[in-house]
Amino acid sequence: MNKILMGLWVISSLFTGHVFAAGDAAAGKAKSAICATCHGADGMAVIPGYPNLKGQNEQYFISSVNAYKNKQRTGGLAVVMQAQSMMLSDQDIADLAAYYSSLK
């Protein structure tokens, strides 16, 4: 019985660690330079038609970037975001999400 419980605990910790990785806003700010090219240094887009990231919902940001990374978003200029998102780790994405959601 203890082996089963230990196995379940290990498996659940693997999944929860991945899904609920906490983002670090300070680390996100440091990583945001590449985003600033299109989305502005303050998260306000500098190119018409590009979304503002300032104040974006953290979970929405994460799911959106992951959708680009997994090539689930393909419209418009998705190819640009697909290339950018491929360079980001899950922690990078969480950090950027924490940073942009903290901007008000």
C-alpha atoms as a PDB file:
ATOM      1  CA  MET A   1       0.000   0.000   0.000  1.00  0.00           C
ATOM      2  CA  ASN A   2       2.824   2.412   0.842  1.00  0.00           C
ATOM      3  CA  LYS A   3       4.422   1.776  -2.561  1.00  0.00           C
ATOM      4  CA  ILE A   4       1.165   2.641  -4.299  1.00  0.00           C
ATOM      5  CA  LEU A   5       0.743   5.851  -2.306  1.00  0.00           C
ATOM      6  CA  MET A   6       4.347   6.818  -2.901  1.00  0.00           C
ATOM      7  CA  GLY A   7       3.940   6.168  -6.625  1.00  0.00           C
ATOM      8  CA  LEU A   8       0.796   8.290  -6.775  1.00  0.00           C
ATOM      9  CA  TRP A   9       2.516  11.081  -4.886  1.00  0.00           C
ATOM     10  CA  VAL A  10       5.511  11.050  -7.255  1.00  0.00           C
ATOM     11  CA  ILE A  11       3.284  11.043 -10.331  1.00  0.00           C
ATOM     12  CA  SER A  12       1.067  13.839  -9.020  1.00  0.00           C
ATOM     13  CA  SER A  13       4.063  15.957  -8.040  1.00  0.00           C
ATOM     14  CA  LEU A  14       5.444  15.658 -11.567  1.00  0.00           C
ATOM     15  CA  PHE A  15       2.226  16.959 -13.050  1.00  0.00           C
ATOM     16  CA  THR A  16       1.555  19.679 -10.512  1.00  0.00           C
ATOM     17  CA  GLY A  17       5.101  20.977 -10.719  1.00  0.00           C
ATOM     18  CA  HIS A  18       4.716  21.386 -14.458  1.00  0.00           C
ATOM     19  CA  VAL A  19       1.232  22.852 -14.479  1.00  0.00           C
ATOM     20  CA  PHE A  20       1.588  25.167 -11.509  1.00  0.00           C
ATOM     21  CA  ALA A  21       5.115  26.485 -11.989  1.00  0.00           C
ATOM     22  CA  ALA A  22       5.072  29.889 -10.355  1.00  0.00           C
ATOM     23  CA  GLY A  23       6.317  32.748 -12.450  1.00  0.00           C
ATOM     24  CA  ASP A  24       8.797  35.331 -11.226  1.00  0.00           C
ATOM     25  CA  ALA A  25       7.856  38.825 -12.402  1.00  0.00           C
ATOM     26  CA  ALA A  26      11.394  40.192 -11.927  1.00  0.00           C
ATOM     27  CA  ALA A  27      12.823  37.363 -14.033  1.00  0.00           C
ATOM     28  CA  GLY A  28      10.075  37.977 -16.598  1.00  0.00           C
ATOM     29  CA  LYS A  29      11.015  41.638 -16.855  1.00  0.00           C
ATOM     30  CA  ALA A  30      14.611  40.634 -17.549  1.00  0.00           C
ATOM     31  CA  LYS A  31      13.433  38.227 -20.263  1.00  0.00           C
ATOM     32  CA  SER A  32      10.975  40.646 -21.899  1.00  0.00           C
ATOM     33  CA  ALA A  33      13.420  42.505 -24.159  1.00  0.00           C
ATOM     34  CA  ILE A  34      12.657  40.346 -27.192  1.00  0.00           C
ATOM     35  CA  CYS A  35       8.909  40.847 -26.637  1.00  0.00           C
ATOM     36  CA  ALA A  36       9.374  44.619 -26.473  1.00  0.00           C
ATOM     37  CA  THR A  37      10.312  44.759 -30.150  1.00  0.00           C
ATOM     38  CA  CYS A  38       6.673  44.269 -31.157  1.00  0.00           C
ATOM     39  CA  HIS A  39       4.735  44.565 -27.896  1.00  0.00           C
ATOM     40  CA  GLY A  40       6.472  47.651 -26.503  1.00  0.00           C
ATOM     41  CA  ALA A  41       8.889  48.141 -23.601  1.00  0.00           C
ATOM     42  CA  ASP A  42       5.948  48.745 -21.274  1.00  0.00           C
ATOM     43  CA  GLY A  43       3.762  46.004 -22.771  1.00  0.00           C
ATOM     44  CA  MET A  44       1.837  48.439 -24.970  1.00  0.00           C
ATOM     45  CA  ALA A  45       2.149  47.323 -28.594  1.00  0.00           C
ATOM     46  CA  VAL A  46       4.125  49.574 -30.905  1.00  0.00           C
ATOM     47  CA  ILE A  47       2.899  47.906 -34.102  1.00  0.00           C
ATOM     48  CA  PRO A  48      -0.768  48.291 -35.089  1.00  0.00           C
ATOM     49  CA  GLY A  49      -2.643  45.011 -34.848  1.00  0.00           C
ATOM     50  CA  TYR A  50      -0.293  43.487 -32.276  1.00  0.00           C
ATOM     51  CA  PRO A  51      -1.803  42.810 -28.850  1.00  0.00           C
ATOM     52  CA  ASN A  52      -0.919  44.726 -25.718  1.00  0.00           C
ATOM     53  CA  LEU A  53       0.633  42.479 -23.078  1.00  0.00           C
ATOM     54  CA  LYS A  54       0.402  44.978 -20.219  1.00  0.00           C
ATOM     55  CA  GLY A  55      -2.066  43.707 -17.623  1.00  0.00           C
ATOM     56  CA  GLN A  56      -2.782  40.519 -19.568  1.00  0.00           C
ATOM     57  CA  ASN A  57      -4.324  37.670 -17.573  1.00  0.00           C
ATOM     58  CA  GLU A  58      -1.504  35.377 -16.478  1.00  0.00           C
ATOM     59  CA  GLN A  59      -3.184  32.070 -17.384  1.00  0.00           C
ATOM     60  CA  TYR A  60      -4.383  33.445 -20.721  1.00  0.00           C
ATOM     61  CA  PHE A  61      -0.841  34.580 -21.537  1.00  0.00           C
ATOM     62  CA  ILE A  62       0.542  31.131 -20.717  1.00  0.00           C
ATOM     63  CA  SER A  63      -2.080  29.277 -22.739  1.00  0.00           C
ATOM     64  CA  SER A  64      -1.679  31.653 -25.690  1.00  0.00           C
ATOM     65  CA  VAL A  65       2.096  31.353 -25.856  1.00  0.00           C
ATOM     66  CA  ASN A  66       1.872  27.583 -25.471  1.00  0.00           C
ATOM     67  CA  ALA A  67      -0.672  27.472 -28.305  1.00  0.00           C
ATOM     68  CA  TYR A  68       1.827  29.264 -30.545  1.00  0.00           C
ATOM     69  CA  LYS A  69       4.623  26.974 -29.353  1.00  0.00           C
ATOM     70  CA  ASN A  70       2.524  23.892 -30.164  1.00  0.00           C
ATOM     71  CA  LYS A  71       1.499  25.407 -33.532  1.00  0.00           C
ATOM     72  CA  GLN A  72      -2.170  25.426 -32.530  1.00  0.00           C
ATOM     73  CA  ARG A  73      -2.460  29.113 -33.445  1.00  0.00           C
ATOM     74  CA  THR A  74      -1.815  29.607 -37.117  1.00  0.00           C
ATOM     75  CA  GLY A  75      -3.627  32.760 -38.256  1.00  0.00           C
ATOM     76  CA  GLY A  76      -2.166  36.120 -39.179  1.00  0.00           C
ATOM     77  CA  LEU A  77       1.466  36.470 -38.235  1.00  0.00           C
ATOM     78  CA  ALA A  78       1.440  33.338 -36.061  1.00  0.00           C
ATOM     79  CA  VAL A  79       4.621  32.148 -37.721  1.00  0.00           C
ATOM     80  CA  VAL A  80       6.492  34.979 -35.964  1.00  0.00           C
ATOM     81  CA  MET A  81       5.141  34.001 -32.539  1.00  0.00           C
ATOM     82  CA  GLN A  82       5.687  30.311 -33.242  1.00  0.00           C
ATOM     83  CA  ALA A  83       9.386  30.970 -33.853  1.00  0.00           C
ATOM     84  CA  GLN A  84       9.709  33.189 -30.764  1.00  0.00           C
ATOM     85  CA  SER A  85       7.828  30.822 -28.469  1.00  0.00           C
ATOM     86  CA  MET A  86       9.952  27.830 -29.508  1.00  0.00           C
ATOM     87  CA  MET A  87      12.890  29.502 -27.765  1.00  0.00           C
ATOM     88  CA  LEU A  88      11.025  29.778 -24.450  1.00  0.00           C
ATOM     89  CA  SER A  89      11.001  27.203 -21.673  1.00  0.00           C
ATOM     90  CA  ASP A  90       7.921  26.644 -19.528  1.00  0.00           C
ATOM     91  CA  GLN A  91       9.618  28.691 -16.790  1.00  0.00           C
ATOM     92  CA  ASP A  92      10.362  31.530 -19.233  1.00  0.00           C
ATOM     93  CA  ILE A  93       6.695  31.614 -20.229  1.00  0.00           C
ATOM     94  CA  ALA A  94       5.555  31.588 -16.583  1.00  0.00           C
ATOM     95  CA  ASP A  95       7.998  34.402 -15.739  1.00  0.00           C
ATOM     96  CA  LEU A  96       6.856  36.534 -18.671  1.00  0.00           C
ATOM     97  CA  ALA A  97       3.214  35.906 -17.764  1.00  0.00           C
ATOM     98  CA  ALA A  98       3.880  36.968 -14.173  1.00  0.00           C
ATOM     99  CA  TYR A  99       5.630  40.120 -15.355  1.00  0.00           C
ATOM    100  CA  TYR A 100       3.047  41.259 -17.887  1.00  0.00           C
ATOM    101  CA  SER A 101       0.105  40.466 -15.621  1.00  0.00           C
ATOM    102  CA  SER A 102       1.717  42.573 -12.877  1.00  0.00           C
ATOM    103  CA  LEU A 103       1.728  45.690 -15.063  1.00  0.00           C
ATOM    104  CA  LYS A 104      -1.287  47.905 -14.464  1.00  0.00           C
END
